[in-house]
Amino acid sequence: MELIAHEIDVDVMILSADGGLNSANADQFVSDIGELIDGGLRRLIIDCSRLDYISSMGIGVLLGLSRRMKARGGEVKLSSVRGLIVQALHIARLDSFFQVYRDVDQARLAFRSE
């Protein structure tokens, strides 16, 4: 999986996830995001429009990321979740745990209203 970082509105980071999130790349994902959180990131949108696959390990990584952000006063929003990713979140009963938005713009606007 490749992560492409975009920063908008000064304090909101958008990460475009490209490929899959599974045991093969979960450690690198956690490390990369951890550095951003340690650097002060508090608002994160993960754009899932190009995320093709997520394993149970990947779902666990997203849960851990969300908990870590919340512990530091931050928040993670998911955007453009589709297909099998929606099904995986639903099966794991996490579709209500994450704030999921139709697209990046909707997620960005949700941060503005907070």
Protein backbone atom coordinates (compact mmCIF):
# COMPACT_ATOMS: atom_id res chain seq x y z
CA MET A 1 0.00 0.00 0.00
CA GLU A 2 1.16 3.47 -0.78
CA LEU A 3 0.18 6.47 1.34
CA ILE A 4 0.02 9.83 -0.34
CA ALA A 5 -0.21 12.74 2.10
CA HIS A 6 -2.04 15.96 1.35
CA GLU A 7 -2.53 18.78 3.82
CA ILE A 8 -5.52 21.08 3.63
CA ASP A 9 -6.99 23.74 5.89
CA VAL A 10 -3.64 23.94 7.69
CA ASP A 11 -4.51 21.40 10.40
CA VAL A 12 -6.24 18.57 8.49
CA MET A 13 -4.10 15.86 6.89
CA ILE A 14 -5.53 13.74 4.11
CA LEU A 15 -3.90 10.39 3.43
CA SER A 16 -4.84 8.66 0.20
CA ALA A 17 -4.52 4.93 0.74
CA ASP A 18 -3.62 3.15 -2.48
CA GLY A 19 -3.75 -0.65 -2.66
CA GLY A 20 -4.47 -2.83 0.35
CA LEU A 21 -4.01 -2.74 4.10
CA ASN A 22 -2.98 -6.10 5.52
CA SER A 23 -0.30 -7.84 7.60
CA ALA A 24 2.32 -7.25 4.90
CA ASN A 25 2.19 -3.47 5.26
CA ALA A 26 0.44 -2.81 8.58
CA ASP A 27 3.64 -2.18 10.54
CA GLN A 28 4.86 0.42 8.04
CA PHE A 29 1.43 2.09 8.06
CA VAL A 30 1.44 2.30 11.87
CA SER A 31 5.00 3.65 11.87
CA ASP A 32 4.27 6.31 9.25
CA ILE A 33 1.08 7.50 10.93
CA GLY A 34 2.68 7.30 14.37
CA GLU A 35 5.33 9.79 13.32
CA LEU A 36 2.63 12.21 12.18
CA ILE A 37 0.68 11.83 15.43
CA ASP A 38 3.84 12.32 17.49
CA GLY A 39 4.49 15.43 15.41
CA GLY A 40 1.17 16.93 16.50
CA LEU A 41 -1.34 15.67 13.93
CA ARG A 42 -4.83 15.79 15.43
CA ARG A 43 -7.13 15.72 12.40
CA LEU A 44 -6.78 12.96 9.83
CA ILE A 45 -8.89 11.91 6.86
CA ILE A 46 -8.07 8.59 5.24
CA ASP A 47 -9.25 8.64 1.63
CA CYS A 48 -10.20 5.05 0.83
CA SER A 49 -11.23 5.66 -2.78
CA ARG A 50 -8.23 3.63 -4.02
CA LEU A 51 -8.08 1.15 -1.13
CA ASP A 52 -8.82 -2.21 -2.74
CA TYR A 53 -8.46 -4.58 0.19
CA ILE A 54 -8.39 -4.58 3.98
CA SER A 55 -7.71 -7.62 6.14
CA SER A 56 -8.65 -8.16 9.78
CA MET A 57 -5.14 -6.94 10.61
CA GLY A 58 -5.84 -3.78 8.60
CA ILE A 59 -9.09 -3.21 10.47
CA GLY A 60 -7.20 -3.63 13.74
CA VAL A 61 -4.67 -1.06 12.58
CA LEU A 62 -7.45 1.45 11.86
CA LEU A 63 -8.95 0.81 15.30
CA GLY A 64 -5.59 1.32 16.97
CA LEU A 65 -5.01 4.48 14.98
CA SER A 66 -8.39 5.86 15.99
CA ARG A 67 -7.78 5.08 19.67
CA ARG A 68 -4.33 6.65 19.56
CA MET A 69 -5.66 9.80 17.92
CA LYS A 70 -8.53 10.06 20.43
CA ALA A 71 -6.12 9.65 23.34
CA ARG A 72 -4.27 12.71 22.08
CA GLY A 73 -7.39 14.75 21.44
CA GLY A 74 -7.52 13.97 17.74
CA GLU A 75 -9.83 12.24 15.35
CA VAL A 76 -9.76 10.04 12.26
CA LYS A 77 -12.43 10.16 9.57
CA LEU A 78 -12.75 7.77 6.64
CA SER A 79 -13.89 8.92 3.23
CA SER A 80 -14.87 7.25 -0.02
CA VAL A 81 -15.15 3.80 1.56
CA ARG A 82 -16.53 1.37 -0.99
CA GLY A 83 -17.13 -2.23 -1.96
CA LEU A 84 -15.45 -4.90 0.12
CA ILE A 85 -14.10 -2.34 2.59
CA VAL A 86 -17.67 -1.31 3.51
CA GLN A 87 -18.58 -4.97 3.91
CA ALA A 88 -15.54 -5.68 6.09
CA LEU A 89 -16.37 -2.76 8.40
CA HIS A 90 -20.00 -3.87 8.56
CA ILE A 91 -19.14 -7.50 9.35
CA ALA A 92 -16.78 -6.37 12.11
CA ARG A 93 -19.56 -4.05 13.35
CA LEU A 94 -17.26 -1.06 13.01
CA ASP A 95 -19.26 0.90 10.47
CA SER A 96 -20.77 2.86 13.36
CA PHE A 97 -17.43 3.22 15.21
CA PHE A 98 -15.77 5.19 12.43
CA GLN A 99 -17.11 8.40 11.02
CA VAL A 100 -17.44 7.55 7.35
CA TYR A 101 -18.11 10.19 4.69
CA ARG A 102 -19.10 9.99 1.05
CA ASP A 103 -15.99 11.87 -0.09
CA VAL A 104 -13.03 13.89 1.18
CA ASP A 105 -14.91 17.18 0.90
CA GLN A 106 -17.69 15.96 3.20
CA ALA A 107 -15.13 14.74 5.76
CA ARG A 108 -13.29 18.06 5.58
CA LEU A 109 -16.52 19.99 6.13
CA ALA A 110 -17.30 17.80 9.15
CA PHE A 111 -14.04 18.91 10.76
CA ARG A 112 -14.95 22.54 10.14
CA SER A 113 -18.26 22.18 11.93
CA GLU A 114 -16.63 20.82 15.09
